[in-house]
């Protein structure tokens, strides 16, 4: 059985992405709790929080699993993660001293 059917919030992520309400990876969790996703992916909450803070540590298998959960294409998931990564990087670089 497809356990996504047990939680309609997975489908809501797809709907909100298509509606343009999700621009960054972090926006997904306005519609479904991180704990629900981490449990369904078999990732401990502590580890999930590390991954969420350091997006580059997600492996491809984890990203593809999220694509399946949220019914979002691989390209779209990469875009969400890339957008957030660049946003965090820009904020970090803003405080870096110039050489």
PDB file of N, CA and C in Angstrom:
ATOM      1  N   UNK A   1       0.843  -1.197   0.000  1.00  0.00           N
ATOM      2  CA  UNK A   1       0.000   0.000   0.000  1.00  0.00           C
ATOM      3  C   UNK A   1       0.881   1.251   0.000  1.00  0.00           C
ATOM      4  N   UNK A   2       0.459   2.229  -0.702  1.00  0.00           N
ATOM      5  CA  UNK A   2       1.171   3.502  -0.799  1.00  0.00           C
ATOM      6  C   UNK A   2       0.843   4.336   0.440  1.00  0.00           C
ATOM      7  N   UNK A   3       1.808   4.441   1.386  1.00  0.00           N
ATOM      8  CA  UNK A   3       1.520   5.131   2.639  1.00  0.00           C
ATOM      9  C   UNK A   3       1.325   6.624   2.451  1.00  0.00           C
ATOM     10  N   UNK A   4       1.695   7.172   1.280  1.00  0.00           N
ATOM     11  CA  UNK A   4       1.449   8.595   1.041  1.00  0.00           C
ATOM     12  C   UNK A   4      -0.042   8.892   1.118  1.00  0.00           C
ATOM     13  N   UNK A   5      -0.860   7.915   0.739  1.00  0.00           N
ATOM     14  CA  UNK A   5      -2.306   8.108   0.747  1.00  0.00           C
ATOM     15  C   UNK A   5      -2.837   8.320   2.162  1.00  0.00           C
ATOM     16  N   UNK A   6      -2.083   7.862   3.162  1.00  0.00           N
ATOM     17  CA  UNK A   6      -2.509   8.021   4.547  1.00  0.00           C
ATOM     18  C   UNK A   6      -2.315   9.439   5.059  1.00  0.00           C
ATOM     19  N   UNK A   7      -1.562  10.251   4.370  1.00  0.00           N
ATOM     20  CA  UNK A   7      -1.327  11.625   4.801  1.00  0.00           C
ATOM     21  C   UNK A   7      -1.513  12.551   3.609  1.00  0.00           C
ATOM     22  N   UNK A   8      -2.648  13.233   3.545  1.00  0.00           N
ATOM     23  CA  UNK A   8      -2.938  14.092   2.392  1.00  0.00           C
ATOM     24  C   UNK A   8      -1.994  15.284   2.259  1.00  0.00           C
ATOM     25  N   UNK A   9      -1.190  15.535   3.289  1.00  0.00           N
ATOM     26  CA  UNK A   9      -0.268  16.672   3.214  1.00  0.00           C
ATOM     27  C   UNK A   9       0.821  16.457   2.169  1.00  0.00           C
ATOM     28  N   UNK A  10       1.130  15.194   1.851  1.00  0.00           N
ATOM     29  CA  UNK A  10       2.098  14.943   0.778  1.00  0.00           C
ATOM     30  C   UNK A  10       1.574  15.492  -0.547  1.00  0.00           C
ATOM     31  N   UNK A  11       0.318  15.241  -0.825  1.00  0.00           N
ATOM     32  CA  UNK A  11      -0.283  15.774  -2.053  1.00  0.00           C
ATOM     33  C   UNK A  11      -0.365  17.297  -2.003  1.00  0.00           C
ATOM     34  N   UNK A  12      -0.597  17.853  -0.808  1.00  0.00           N
ATOM     35  CA  UNK A  12      -0.679  19.308  -0.654  1.00  0.00           C
ATOM     36  C   UNK A  12       0.636  19.976  -1.061  1.00  0.00           C
ATOM     37  N   UNK A  13       1.754  19.325  -0.774  1.00  0.00           N
ATOM     38  CA  UNK A  13       3.057  19.876  -1.182  1.00  0.00           C
ATOM     39  C   UNK A  13       3.100  20.025  -2.695  1.00  0.00           C
ATOM     40  N   UNK A  14       2.660  19.007  -3.402  1.00  0.00           N
ATOM     41  CA  UNK A  14       2.645  19.059  -4.863  1.00  0.00           C
ATOM     42  C   UNK A  14       1.731  20.180  -5.360  1.00  0.00           C
ATOM     43  N   UNK A  15       0.563  20.282  -4.773  1.00  0.00           N
ATOM     44  CA  UNK A  15      -0.404  21.316  -5.179  1.00  0.00           C
ATOM     45  C   UNK A  15       0.175  22.707  -4.943  1.00  0.00           C
ATOM     46  N   UNK A  16       0.769  22.915  -3.780  1.00  0.00           N
ATOM     47  CA  UNK A  16       1.325  24.228  -3.449  1.00  0.00           C
ATOM     48  C   UNK A  16       2.551  24.557  -4.300  1.00  0.00           C
ATOM     49  N   UNK A  17       3.330  23.544  -4.652  1.00  0.00           N
ATOM     50  CA  UNK A  17       4.464  23.784  -5.543  1.00  0.00           C
ATOM     51  C   UNK A  17       3.961  24.258  -6.905  1.00  0.00           C
ATOM     52  N   UNK A  18       2.982  23.567  -7.435  1.00  0.00           N
ATOM     53  CA  UNK A  18       2.429  23.936  -8.743  1.00  0.00           C
ATOM     54  C   UNK A  18       1.776  25.315  -8.714  1.00  0.00           C
ATOM     55  N   UNK A  19       1.263  25.712  -7.550  1.00  0.00           N
ATOM     56  CA  UNK A  19       0.635  27.021  -7.401  1.00  0.00           C
ATOM     57  C   UNK A  19       1.658  28.128  -7.171  1.00  0.00           C
ATOM     58  N   UNK A  20       2.946  27.764  -7.084  1.00  0.00           N
ATOM     59  CA  UNK A  20       3.992  28.761  -6.894  1.00  0.00           C
ATOM     60  C   UNK A  20       4.196  29.185  -5.456  1.00  0.00           C
ATOM     61  N   UNK A  21       3.625  28.455  -4.512  1.00  0.00           N
ATOM     62  CA  UNK A  21       3.750  28.800  -3.092  1.00  0.00           C
ATOM     63  C   UNK A  21       5.025  28.238  -2.469  1.00  0.00           C
ATOM     64  N   UNK A  22       5.679  27.313  -3.158  1.00  0.00           N
ATOM     65  CA  UNK A  22       6.910  26.708  -2.649  1.00  0.00           C
ATOM     66  C   UNK A  22       8.047  27.089  -3.583  1.00  0.00           C
ATOM     67  N   UNK A  23       8.968  27.895  -3.077  1.00  0.00           N
ATOM     68  CA  UNK A  23      10.114  28.366  -3.863  1.00  0.00           C
ATOM     69  C   UNK A  23      11.449  27.817  -3.350  1.00  0.00           C
ATOM     70  N   UNK A  24      11.472  27.477  -2.064  1.00  0.00           N
ATOM     71  CA  UNK A  24      12.662  26.959  -1.413  1.00  0.00           C
ATOM     72  C   UNK A  24      12.326  25.617  -0.762  1.00  0.00           C
ATOM     73  N   UNK A  25      13.324  24.802  -0.536  1.00  0.00           N
ATOM     74  CA  UNK A  25      13.131  23.516   0.123  1.00  0.00           C
ATOM     75  C   UNK A  25      12.421  23.690   1.458  1.00  0.00           C
ATOM     76  N   UNK A  26      12.809  24.702   2.229  1.00  0.00           N
ATOM     77  CA  UNK A  26      12.214  24.922   3.553  1.00  0.00           C
ATOM     78  C   UNK A  26      10.718  25.213   3.480  1.00  0.00           C
ATOM     79  N   UNK A  27      10.240  25.731   2.352  1.00  0.00           N
ATOM     80  CA  UNK A  27       8.814  26.034   2.199  1.00  0.00           C
ATOM     81  C   UNK A  27       7.942  24.783   2.252  1.00  0.00           C
ATOM     82  N   UNK A  28       8.499  23.641   1.909  1.00  0.00           N
ATOM     83  CA  UNK A  28       7.751  22.380   1.941  1.00  0.00           C
ATOM     84  C   UNK A  28       7.171  22.149   3.325  1.00  0.00           C
ATOM     85  N   UNK A  29       7.921  22.537   4.343  1.00  0.00           N
ATOM     86  CA  UNK A  29       7.562  22.184   5.707  1.00  0.00           C
ATOM     87  C   UNK A  29       6.567  23.158   6.335  1.00  0.00           C
ATOM     88  N   UNK A  30       6.042  24.053   5.513  1.00  0.00           N
ATOM     89  CA  UNK A  30       4.869  24.835   5.906  1.00  0.00           C
ATOM     90  C   UNK A  30       3.611  23.983   5.745  1.00  0.00           C
ATOM     91  N   UNK A  31       3.727  22.915   4.955  1.00  0.00           N
ATOM     92  CA  UNK A  31       2.561  22.098   4.601  1.00  0.00           C
ATOM     93  C   UNK A  31       2.599  20.689   5.169  1.00  0.00           C
ATOM     94  N   UNK A  32       3.756  20.229   5.569  1.00  0.00           N
ATOM     95  CA  UNK A  32       3.890  18.919   6.203  1.00  0.00           C
ATOM     96  C   UNK A  32       5.058  18.988   7.183  1.00  0.00           C
ATOM     97  N   UNK A  33       4.882  18.441   8.386  1.00  0.00           N
ATOM     98  CA  UNK A  33       5.964  18.533   9.381  1.00  0.00           C
ATOM     99  C   UNK A  33       7.210  17.751   8.976  1.00  0.00           C
ATOM    100  N   UNK A  34       8.354  18.306   9.346  1.00  0.00           N
ATOM    101  CA  UNK A  34       9.628  17.622   9.093  1.00  0.00           C
ATOM    102  C   UNK A  34       9.645  16.245   9.738  1.00  0.00           C
ATOM    103  N   UNK A  35       9.053  16.141  10.924  1.00  0.00           N
ATOM    104  CA  UNK A  35       9.068  14.861  11.623  1.00  0.00           C
ATOM    105  C   UNK A  35       8.333  13.777  10.842  1.00  0.00           C
ATOM    106  N   UNK A  36       7.230  14.133  10.181  1.00  0.00           N
ATOM    107  CA  UNK A  36       6.477  13.163   9.380  1.00  0.00           C
ATOM    108  C   UNK A  36       7.351  12.659   8.231  1.00  0.00           C
ATOM    109  N   UNK A  37       8.010  13.589   7.552  1.00  0.00           N
ATOM    110  CA  UNK A  37       8.844  13.229   6.406  1.00  0.00           C
ATOM    111  C   UNK A  37      10.040  12.405   6.862  1.00  0.00           C
ATOM    112  N   UNK A  38      10.702  12.848   7.923  1.00  0.00           N
ATOM    113  CA  UNK A  38      11.890  12.114   8.385  1.00  0.00           C
ATOM    114  C   UNK A  38      11.515  10.704   8.822  1.00  0.00           C
ATOM    115  N   UNK A  39      10.389  10.541   9.497  1.00  0.00           N
ATOM    116  CA  UNK A  39       9.940   9.203   9.906  1.00  0.00           C
ATOM    117  C   UNK A  39       9.662   8.328   8.689  1.00  0.00           C
ATOM    118  N   UNK A  40       8.962   8.876   7.715  1.00  0.00           N
ATOM    119  CA  UNK A  40       8.625   8.097   6.524  1.00  0.00           C
ATOM    120  C   UNK A  40       9.857   7.744   5.703  1.00  0.00           C
ATOM    121  N   UNK A  41      10.901   8.560   5.816  1.00  0.00           N
ATOM    122  CA  UNK A  41      12.136   8.276   5.096  1.00  0.00           C
ATOM    123  C   UNK A  41      13.096   7.420   5.916  1.00  0.00           C
ATOM    124  N   UNK A  42      12.757   7.163   7.179  1.00  0.00           N
ATOM    125  CA  UNK A  42      13.614   6.355   8.030  1.00  0.00           C
ATOM    126  C   UNK A  42      14.855   7.084   8.499  1.00  0.00           C
ATOM    127  N   UNK A  43      14.769   8.399   8.638  1.00  0.00           N
ATOM    128  CA  UNK A  43      15.892   9.224   9.090  1.00  0.00           C
ATOM    129  C   UNK A  43      15.549   9.762  10.478  1.00  0.00           C
ATOM    130  N   UNK A  44      16.460   9.599  11.412  1.00  0.00           N
ATOM    131  CA  UNK A  44      16.233  10.115  12.759  1.00  0.00           C
ATOM    132  C   UNK A  44      16.123  11.640  12.715  1.00  0.00           C
ATOM    133  N   UNK A  45      15.308  12.188  13.607  1.00  0.00           N
ATOM    134  CA  UNK A  45      15.070  13.635  13.612  1.00  0.00           C
ATOM    135  C   UNK A  45      16.344  14.449  13.772  1.00  0.00           C
ATOM    136  N   UNK A  46      17.270  13.978  14.608  1.00  0.00           N
ATOM    137  CA  UNK A  46      18.531  14.706  14.792  1.00  0.00           C
ATOM    138  C   UNK A  46      19.295  14.790  13.472  1.00  0.00           C
ATOM    139  N   UNK A  47      19.356  13.677  12.775  1.00  0.00           N
ATOM    140  CA  UNK A  47      20.059  13.645  11.486  1.00  0.00           C
ATOM    141  C   UNK A  47      19.337  14.518  10.466  1.00  0.00           C
ATOM    142  N   UNK A  48      18.012  14.465  10.487  1.00  0.00           N
ATOM    143  CA  UNK A  48      17.226  15.284   9.550  1.00  0.00           C
ATOM    144  C   UNK A  48      17.553  16.759   9.740  1.00  0.00           C
ATOM    145  N   UNK A  49      17.648  17.200  10.992  1.00  0.00           N
ATOM    146  CA  UNK A  49      17.943  18.609  11.254  1.00  0.00           C
ATOM    147  C   UNK A  49      19.315  19.006  10.718  1.00  0.00           C
ATOM    148  N   UNK A  50      20.280  18.104  10.801  1.00  0.00           N
ATOM    149  CA  UNK A  50      21.601  18.369  10.232  1.00  0.00           C
ATOM    150  C   UNK A  50      21.495  18.496   8.717  1.00  0.00           C
ATOM    151  N   UNK A  51      20.770  17.583   8.094  1.00  0.00           N
ATOM    152  CA  UNK A  51      20.606  17.627   6.643  1.00  0.00           C
ATOM    153  C   UNK A  51      19.889  18.906   6.205  1.00  0.00           C
ATOM    154  N   UNK A  52      18.873  19.296   6.941  1.00  0.00           N
ATOM    155  CA  UNK A  52      18.121  20.499   6.590  1.00  0.00           C
ATOM    156  C   UNK A  52      18.991  21.755   6.694  1.00  0.00           C
ATOM    157  N   UNK A  53      19.937  21.747   7.631  1.00  0.00           N
ATOM    158  CA  UNK A  53      20.841  22.888   7.785  1.00  0.00           C
ATOM    159  C   UNK A  53      21.996  22.859   6.785  1.00  0.00           C
ATOM    160  N   UNK A  54      22.315  21.669   6.286  1.00  0.00           N
ATOM    161  CA  UNK A  54      23.423  21.485   5.343  1.00  0.00           C
ATOM    162  C   UNK A  54      22.903  20.661   4.163  1.00  0.00           C
ATOM    163  N   UNK A  55      22.182  21.320   3.286  1.00  0.00           N
ATOM    164  CA  UNK A  55      21.493  20.635   2.186  1.00  0.00           C
ATOM    165  C   UNK A  55      22.421  19.816   1.311  1.00  0.00           C
ATOM    166  N   UNK A  56      23.671  20.222   1.237  1.00  0.00           N
ATOM    167  CA  UNK A  56      24.630  19.501   0.395  1.00  0.00           C
ATOM    168  C   UNK A  56      24.907  18.090   0.920  1.00  0.00           C
ATOM    169  N   UNK A  57      24.482  17.799   2.138  1.00  0.00           N
ATOM    170  CA  UNK A  57      24.698  16.471   2.709  1.00  0.00           C
ATOM    171  C   UNK A  57      23.604  15.460   2.357  1.00  0.00           C
ATOM    172  N   UNK A  58      22.485  15.924   1.781  1.00  0.00           N
ATOM    173  CA  UNK A  58      21.487  14.977   1.286  1.00  0.00           C
ATOM    174  C   UNK A  58      22.117  14.169   0.162  1.00  0.00           C
ATOM    175  N   UNK A  59      21.892  12.866   0.153  1.00  0.00           N
ATOM    176  CA  UNK A  59      22.395  12.086  -0.977  1.00  0.00           C
ATOM    177  C   UNK A  59      21.279  11.948  -2.025  1.00  0.00           C
ATOM    178  N   UNK A  60      21.647  11.471  -3.189  1.00  0.00           N
ATOM    179  CA  UNK A  60      20.681  11.389  -4.280  1.00  0.00           C
ATOM    180  C   UNK A  60      19.506  10.476  -3.946  1.00  0.00           C
ATOM    181  N   UNK A  61      19.785   9.382  -3.288  1.00  0.00           N
ATOM    182  CA  UNK A  61      18.706   8.466  -2.922  1.00  0.00           C
ATOM    183  C   UNK A  61      17.682   9.174  -2.041  1.00  0.00           C
ATOM    184  N   UNK A  62      18.151   9.953  -1.086  1.00  0.00           N
ATOM    185  CA  UNK A  62      17.243  10.695  -0.212  1.00  0.00           C
ATOM    186  C   UNK A  62      16.446  11.727  -1.007  1.00  0.00           C
ATOM    187  N   UNK A  63      17.104  12.419  -1.922  1.00  0.00           N
ATOM    188  CA  UNK A  63      16.400  13.406  -2.735  1.00  0.00           C
ATOM    189  C   UNK A  63      15.350  12.741  -3.630  1.00  0.00           C
ATOM    190  N   UNK A  64      15.703  11.620  -4.216  1.00  0.00           N
ATOM    191  CA  UNK A  64      14.749  10.928  -5.078  1.00  0.00           C
ATOM    192  C   UNK A  64      13.571  10.381  -4.273  1.00  0.00           C
ATOM    193  N   UNK A  65      13.823   9.963  -3.046  1.00  0.00           N
ATOM    194  CA  UNK A  65      12.729   9.515  -2.182  1.00  0.00           C
ATOM    195  C   UNK A  65      11.786  10.675  -1.885  1.00  0.00           C
ATOM    196  N   UNK A  66      12.340  11.850  -1.625  1.00  0.00           N
ATOM    197  CA  UNK A  66      11.493  13.020  -1.394  1.00  0.00           C
ATOM    198  C   UNK A  66      10.680  13.358  -2.639  1.00  0.00           C
ATOM    199  N   UNK A  67      11.272  13.205  -3.803  1.00  0.00           N
ATOM    200  CA  UNK A  67      10.528  13.444  -5.042  1.00  0.00           C
ATOM    201  C   UNK A  67       9.307  12.539  -5.097  1.00  0.00           C
ATOM    202  N   UNK A  68       9.508  11.280  -4.762  1.00  0.00           N
ATOM    203  CA  UNK A  68       8.410  10.315  -4.771  1.00  0.00           C
ATOM    204  C   UNK A  68       7.352  10.685  -3.731  1.00  0.00           C
ATOM    205  N   UNK A  69       7.801  11.035  -2.531  1.00  0.00           N
ATOM    206  CA  UNK A  69       6.857  11.387  -1.473  1.00  0.00           C
ATOM    207  C   UNK A  69       5.991  12.579  -1.855  1.00  0.00           C
ATOM    208  N   UNK A  70       6.628  13.623  -2.390  1.00  0.00           N
ATOM    209  CA  UNK A  70       5.927  14.871  -2.673  1.00  0.00           C
ATOM    210  C   UNK A  70       5.336  14.926  -4.076  1.00  0.00           C
ATOM    211  N   UNK A  71       5.625  13.879  -4.876  1.00  0.00           N
ATOM    212  CA  UNK A  71       5.160  13.844  -6.267  1.00  0.00           C
ATOM    213  C   UNK A  71       5.672  15.066  -7.044  1.00  0.00           C
ATOM    214  N   UNK A  72       6.935  15.373  -6.802  1.00  0.00           N
ATOM    215  CA  UNK A  72       7.612  16.484  -7.473  1.00  0.00           C
ATOM    216  C   UNK A  72       8.724  15.879  -8.332  1.00  0.00           C
ATOM    217  N   UNK A  73       8.928  16.418  -9.513  1.00  0.00           N
ATOM    218  CA  UNK A  73       9.968  15.869 -10.385  1.00  0.00           C
ATOM    219  C   UNK A  73      11.348  16.085  -9.774  1.00  0.00           C
ATOM    220  N   UNK A  74      12.282  15.275 -10.221  1.00  0.00           N
ATOM    221  CA  UNK A  74      13.653  15.383  -9.736  1.00  0.00           C
ATOM    222  C   UNK A  74      14.221  16.767 -10.031  1.00  0.00           C
ATOM    223  N   UNK A  75      13.961  17.259 -11.212  1.00  0.00           N
ATOM    224  CA  UNK A  75      14.438  18.599 -11.592  1.00  0.00           C
ATOM    225  C   UNK A  75      13.876  19.670 -10.651  1.00  0.00           C
ATOM    226  N   UNK A  76      12.594  19.558 -10.341  1.00  0.00           N
ATOM    227  CA  UNK A  76      11.972  20.539  -9.454  1.00  0.00           C
ATOM    228  C   UNK A  76      12.542  20.455  -8.039  1.00  0.00           C
ATOM    229  N   UNK A  77      12.795  19.247  -7.557  1.00  0.00           N
ATOM    230  CA  UNK A  77      13.376  19.094  -6.222  1.00  0.00           C
ATOM    231  C   UNK A  77      14.786  19.680  -6.182  1.00  0.00           C
ATOM    232  N   UNK A  78      15.575  19.404  -7.205  1.00  0.00           N
ATOM    233  CA  UNK A  78      16.914  19.994  -7.269  1.00  0.00           C
ATOM    234  C   UNK A  78      16.830  21.515  -7.281  1.00  0.00           C
ATOM    235  N   UNK A  79      15.852  22.057  -7.995  1.00  0.00           N
ATOM    236  CA  UNK A  79      15.685  23.504  -8.047  1.00  0.00           C
ATOM    237  C   UNK A  79      15.364  24.076  -6.668  1.00  0.00           C
ATOM    238  N   UNK A  80      14.465  23.428  -5.928  1.00  0.00           N
ATOM    239  CA  UNK A  80      14.128  23.890  -4.579  1.00  0.00           C
ATOM    240  C   UNK A  80      15.341  23.868  -3.662  1.00  0.00           C
ATOM    241  N   UNK A  81      16.088  22.791  -3.726  1.00  0.00           N
ATOM    242  CA  UNK A  81      17.280  22.665  -2.885  1.00  0.00           C
ATOM    243  C   UNK A  81      18.337  23.676  -3.314  1.00  0.00           C
ATOM    244  N   UNK A  82      18.530  23.829  -4.614  1.00  0.00           N
ATOM    245  CA  UNK A  82      19.513  24.791  -5.126  1.00  0.00           C
ATOM    246  C   UNK A  82      19.127  26.217  -4.724  1.00  0.00           C
ATOM    247  N   UNK A  83      17.851  26.565  -4.860  1.00  0.00           N
ATOM    248  CA  UNK A  83      17.397  27.908  -4.492  1.00  0.00           C
ATOM    249  C   UNK A  83      17.701  28.205  -3.028  1.00  0.00           C
ATOM    250  N   UNK A  84      17.426  27.240  -2.172  1.00  0.00           N
ATOM    251  CA  UNK A  84      17.684  27.455  -0.753  1.00  0.00           C
ATOM    252  C   UNK A  84      19.181  27.521  -0.467  1.00  0.00           C
ATOM    253  N   UNK A  85      19.941  26.658  -1.106  1.00  0.00           N
ATOM    254  CA  UNK A  85      21.390  26.659  -0.923  1.00  0.00           C
ATOM    255  C   UNK A  85      21.971  28.024  -1.306  1.00  0.00           C
ATOM    256  N   UNK A  86      21.555  28.537  -2.445  1.00  0.00           N
ATOM    257  CA  UNK A  86      22.071  29.830  -2.904  1.00  0.00           C
ATOM    258  C   UNK A  86      21.599  30.967  -2.000  1.00  0.00           C
ATOM    259  N   UNK A  87      20.386  30.870  -1.491  1.00  0.00           N
ATOM    260  CA  UNK A  87      19.874  31.883  -0.577  1.00  0.00           C
ATOM    261  C   UNK A  87      20.696  31.914   0.706  1.00  0.00           C
ATOM    262  N   UNK A  88      20.986  30.749   1.254  1.00  0.00           N
ATOM    263  CA  UNK A  88      21.813  30.669   2.466  1.00  0.00           C
ATOM    264  C   UNK A  88      23.223  31.162   2.184  1.00  0.00           C
ATOM    265  N   UNK A  89      23.749  30.802   1.037  1.00  0.00           N
ATOM    266  CA  UNK A  89      25.104  31.220   0.674  1.00  0.00           C
ATOM    267  C   UNK A  89      25.187  32.740   0.546  1.00  0.00           C
ATOM    268  N   UNK A  90      24.191  33.340  -0.082  1.00  0.00           N
ATOM    269  CA  UNK A  90      24.188  34.793  -0.247  1.00  0.00           C
ATOM    270  C   UNK A  90      24.138  35.492   1.102  1.00  0.00           C
ATOM    271  N   UNK A  91      23.347  34.958   2.028  1.00  0.00           N
ATOM    272  CA  UNK A  91      23.270  35.553   3.365  1.00  0.00           C
ATOM    273  C   UNK A  91      24.600  35.420   4.090  1.00  0.00           C
ATOM    274  N   UNK A  92      25.251  34.277   3.922  1.00  0.00           N
ATOM    275  CA  UNK A  92      26.545  34.039   4.558  1.00  0.00           C
ATOM    276  C   UNK A  92      27.608  34.970   3.972  1.00  0.00           C
ATOM    277  N   UNK A  93      27.634  35.080   2.648  1.00  0.00           N
ATOM    278  CA  UNK A  93      28.645  35.909   1.986  1.00  0.00           C
ATOM    279  C   UNK A  93      28.479  37.375   2.308  1.00  0.00           C
ATOM    280  N   UNK A  94      27.278  37.787   2.622  1.00  0.00           N
ATOM    281  CA  UNK A  94      27.005  39.179   2.970  1.00  0.00           C
ATOM    282  C   UNK A  94      27.806  39.598   4.197  1.00  0.00           C
ATOM    283  N   UNK A  95      28.079  38.651   5.087  1.00  0.00           N
ATOM    284  CA  UNK A  95      28.796  38.956   6.321  1.00  0.00           C
ATOM    285  C   UNK A  95      30.277  38.618   6.260  1.00  0.00           C
ATOM    286  N   UNK A  96      30.728  38.134   5.132  1.00  0.00           N
ATOM    287  CA  UNK A  96      32.142  37.793   4.981  1.00  0.00           C
ATOM    288  C   UNK A  96      32.933  39.064   4.656  1.00  0.00           C
ATOM    289  N   UNK A  97      34.088  39.227   5.272  1.00  0.00           N
ATOM    290  CA  UNK A  97      34.912  40.388   4.946  1.00  0.00           C
ATOM    291  C   UNK A  97      35.469  40.270   3.527  1.00  0.00           C
ATOM    292  N   UNK A  98      35.564  41.398   2.862  1.00  0.00           N
ATOM    293  CA  UNK A  98      36.128  41.387   1.509  1.00  0.00           C
ATOM    294  C   UNK A  98      37.640  41.339   1.594  1.00  0.00           C
ATOM    295  N   UNK A  99      38.244  40.654   0.637  1.00  0.00           N
ATOM    296  CA  UNK A  99      39.716  40.548   0.600  1.00  0.00           C
ATOM    297  C   UNK A  99      40.336  41.697  -0.113  1.00  0.00           C
TER     298      UNK A  99
END
